[in-house]
Amino acid sequence: MRIKPENPPEPYFKKNDFSLFLGDSLELLKKFPEEYFDMIFADPPYFLSSGSFTCQNGKMVSVKKGNWDLSNGTKKNFEFHLRWINACRRVLKPSGTIWVSGTI
């Protein structure tokens, strides 16, 4: 039997058994009971934007994606990652999986 959240957030997109939520993940995840999800896909900020420039196809381009991707320092960045991973772990079923998008 599936437990239903008391005040579930409205999915941004839903089709069949798939739901996609849009918003602050730390706030959204609080609204779900423990061990609720079978799968979580995460694409967190990696704080790689430095506000500087790089050369791409012979042109100078900014590497700043937005303020959300600017580093807050190594310690605060690490604490952020621990918060979202622990929040995901709380709502992920023991047999669930988490996919985390990364970059090389």
C-alpha atoms as a PDB file:
ATOM      1  CA  MET A   1       0.000   0.000   0.000  1.00  0.00           C
ATOM      2  CA  ARG A   2       1.349   3.405  -0.970  1.00  0.00           C
ATOM      3  CA  ILE A   3       1.376   6.119   1.691  1.00  0.00           C
ATOM      4  CA  LYS A   4      -0.001   9.432   0.445  1.00  0.00           C
ATOM      5  CA  PRO A   5       1.540  12.690   1.652  1.00  0.00           C
ATOM      6  CA  GLU A   6      -0.811  14.858   3.729  1.00  0.00           C
ATOM      7  CA  ASN A   7      -0.280  17.985   1.609  1.00  0.00           C
ATOM      8  CA  PRO A   8       1.357  16.754  -1.584  1.00  0.00           C
ATOM      9  CA  PRO A   9       2.877  19.394  -3.833  1.00  0.00           C
ATOM     10  CA  GLU A  10       1.391  19.671  -7.293  1.00  0.00           C
ATOM     11  CA  PRO A  11       3.609  18.003  -9.929  1.00  0.00           C
ATOM     12  CA  TYR A  12       5.035  20.258 -12.627  1.00  0.00           C
ATOM     13  CA  PHE A  13       4.439  17.376 -15.057  1.00  0.00           C
ATOM     14  CA  LYS A  14       2.639  14.062 -14.595  1.00  0.00           C
ATOM     15  CA  LYS A  15       2.079  11.108 -16.896  1.00  0.00           C
ATOM     16  CA  ASN A  16       0.964   7.690 -15.674  1.00  0.00           C
ATOM     17  CA  ASP A  17       3.126   6.817 -12.619  1.00  0.00           C
ATOM     18  CA  PHE A  18       5.771   9.470 -13.430  1.00  0.00           C
ATOM     19  CA  SER A  19       5.737  12.818 -11.649  1.00  0.00           C
ATOM     20  CA  LEU A  20       8.184  15.684 -12.082  1.00  0.00           C
ATOM     21  CA  PHE A  21       8.373  18.375  -9.408  1.00  0.00           C
ATOM     22  CA  LEU A  22       9.798  21.847  -9.875  1.00  0.00           C
ATOM     23  CA  GLY A  23      11.028  23.947  -6.985  1.00  0.00           C
ATOM     24  CA  ASP A  24      13.466  24.089  -4.112  1.00  0.00           C
ATOM     25  CA  SER A  25      14.237  20.409  -3.548  1.00  0.00           C
ATOM     26  CA  LEU A  26      14.929  20.864   0.158  1.00  0.00           C
ATOM     27  CA  GLU A  27      11.455  22.377   0.631  1.00  0.00           C
ATOM     28  CA  LEU A  28       9.658  19.920  -1.666  1.00  0.00           C
ATOM     29  CA  LEU A  29      11.184  16.821  -0.066  1.00  0.00           C
ATOM     30  CA  LYS A  30       9.947  17.860   3.396  1.00  0.00           C
ATOM     31  CA  LYS A  31       6.385  17.371   2.131  1.00  0.00           C
ATOM     32  CA  PHE A  32       6.816  13.643   1.489  1.00  0.00           C
ATOM     33  CA  PRO A  33       6.882  10.778   4.008  1.00  0.00           C
ATOM     34  CA  GLU A  34       9.944   8.602   4.562  1.00  0.00           C
ATOM     35  CA  GLU A  35      10.678   5.873   2.020  1.00  0.00           C
ATOM     36  CA  TYR A  36       8.188   7.278  -0.495  1.00  0.00           C
ATOM     37  CA  PHE A  37      10.065   7.350  -3.815  1.00  0.00           C
ATOM     38  CA  ASP A  38      11.325   4.481  -5.964  1.00  0.00           C
ATOM     39  CA  MET A  39      13.695   6.706  -7.920  1.00  0.00           C
ATOM     40  CA  ILE A  40      15.157  10.199  -7.661  1.00  0.00           C
ATOM     41  CA  PHE A  41      16.997  12.039 -10.433  1.00  0.00           C
ATOM     42  CA  ALA A  42      19.098  14.958  -9.221  1.00  0.00           C
ATOM     43  CA  ASP A  43      21.032  17.603 -11.123  1.00  0.00           C
ATOM     44  CA  PRO A  44      22.335  19.760  -8.289  1.00  0.00           C
ATOM     45  CA  PRO A  45      24.442  22.862  -8.673  1.00  0.00           C
ATOM     46  CA  TYR A  46      28.149  22.072  -8.627  1.00  0.00           C
ATOM     47  CA  PHE A  47      29.203  25.663  -7.968  1.00  0.00           C
ATOM     48  CA  LEU A  48      31.455  25.744 -11.031  1.00  0.00           C
ATOM     49  CA  SER A  49      30.591  29.261 -12.173  1.00  0.00           C
ATOM     50  CA  SER A  50      33.351  31.650 -11.325  1.00  0.00           C
ATOM     51  CA  GLY A  51      32.023  34.751 -13.055  1.00  0.00           C
ATOM     52  CA  SER A  52      34.967  34.641 -15.452  1.00  0.00           C
ATOM     53  CA  PHE A  53      35.208  33.843 -19.168  1.00  0.00           C
ATOM     54  CA  THR A  54      36.398  31.001 -21.372  1.00  0.00           C
ATOM     55  CA  CYS A  55      37.021  30.595 -25.083  1.00  0.00           C
ATOM     56  CA  GLN A  56      34.368  28.547 -26.897  1.00  0.00           C
ATOM     57  CA  ASN A  57      34.425  28.190 -30.696  1.00  0.00           C
ATOM     58  CA  GLY A  58      36.833  31.121 -30.902  1.00  0.00           C
ATOM     59  CA  LYS A  59      34.601  33.454 -28.892  1.00  0.00           C
ATOM     60  CA  MET A  60      34.832  34.710 -25.329  1.00  0.00           C
ATOM     61  CA  VAL A  61      31.852  33.387 -23.329  1.00  0.00           C
ATOM     62  CA  SER A  62      30.914  33.761 -19.691  1.00  0.00           C
ATOM     63  CA  VAL A  63      31.162  30.683 -17.472  1.00  0.00           C
ATOM     64  CA  LYS A  64      28.630  32.173 -15.066  1.00  0.00           C
ATOM     65  CA  LYS A  65      25.408  30.156 -15.312  1.00  0.00           C
ATOM     66  CA  GLY A  66      23.729  32.201 -12.603  1.00  0.00           C
ATOM     67  CA  ASN A  67      24.090  33.247  -8.969  1.00  0.00           C
ATOM     68  CA  TRP A  68      22.775  29.809  -7.948  1.00  0.00           C
ATOM     69  CA  ASP A  69      25.987  28.233  -9.326  1.00  0.00           C
ATOM     70  CA  LEU A  70      28.497  30.574  -7.655  1.00  0.00           C
ATOM     71  CA  SER A  71      30.591  28.988  -4.927  1.00  0.00           C
ATOM     72  CA  ASN A  72      29.889  29.798  -1.302  1.00  0.00           C
ATOM     73  CA  GLY A  73      33.247  28.334  -0.294  1.00  0.00           C
ATOM     74  CA  THR A  74      34.234  24.686  -0.005  1.00  0.00           C
ATOM     75  CA  LYS A  75      32.740  24.140   3.460  1.00  0.00           C
ATOM     76  CA  LYS A  76      29.327  25.668   2.642  1.00  0.00           C
ATOM     77  CA  ASN A  77      29.191  23.896  -0.737  1.00  0.00           C
ATOM     78  CA  PHE A  78      29.876  20.563   0.987  1.00  0.00           C
ATOM     79  CA  GLU A  79      27.243  21.258   3.669  1.00  0.00           C
ATOM     80  CA  PHE A  80      24.685  22.012   0.921  1.00  0.00           C
ATOM     81  CA  HIS A  81      25.425  18.699  -0.808  1.00  0.00           C
ATOM     82  CA  LEU A  82      25.073  16.817   2.474  1.00  0.00           C
ATOM     83  CA  ARG A  83      21.677  18.477   3.110  1.00  0.00           C
ATOM     84  CA  TRP A  84      20.151  17.562  -0.245  1.00  0.00           C
ATOM     85  CA  ILE A  85      21.594  14.030  -0.270  1.00  0.00           C
ATOM     86  CA  ASN A  86      20.273  13.366   3.252  1.00  0.00           C
ATOM     87  CA  ALA A  87      16.878  14.805   2.282  1.00  0.00           C
ATOM     88  CA  CYS A  88      16.762  12.432  -0.703  1.00  0.00           C
ATOM     89  CA  ARG A  89      17.858   9.483   1.394  1.00  0.00           C
ATOM     90  CA  ARG A  90      15.009  10.082   3.844  1.00  0.00           C
ATOM     91  CA  VAL A  91      12.326   9.828   1.147  1.00  0.00           C
ATOM     92  CA  LEU A  92      13.964   7.102  -0.965  1.00  0.00           C
ATOM     93  CA  LYS A  93      12.759   3.522  -0.495  1.00  0.00           C
ATOM     94  CA  PRO A  94      15.426   1.040   0.717  1.00  0.00           C
ATOM     95  CA  SER A  95      15.255  -0.650  -2.696  1.00  0.00           C
ATOM     96  CA  GLY A  96      15.178   2.711  -4.522  1.00  0.00           C
ATOM     97  CA  THR A  97      17.809   4.336  -6.670  1.00  0.00           C
ATOM     98  CA  ILE A  98      19.156   7.842  -7.048  1.00  0.00           C
ATOM     99  CA  TRP A  99      20.657   9.106 -10.289  1.00  0.00           C
ATOM    100  CA  VAL A 100      22.894  12.140  -9.956  1.00  0.00           C
ATOM    101  CA  SER A 101      23.861  14.091 -13.042  1.00  0.00           C
ATOM    102  CA  GLY A 102      27.500  15.089 -13.134  1.00  0.00           C
ATOM    103  CA  THR A 103      30.093  16.700 -15.310  1.00  0.00           C
ATOM    104  CA  ILE A 104      33.645  15.880 -16.263  1.00  0.00           C
END
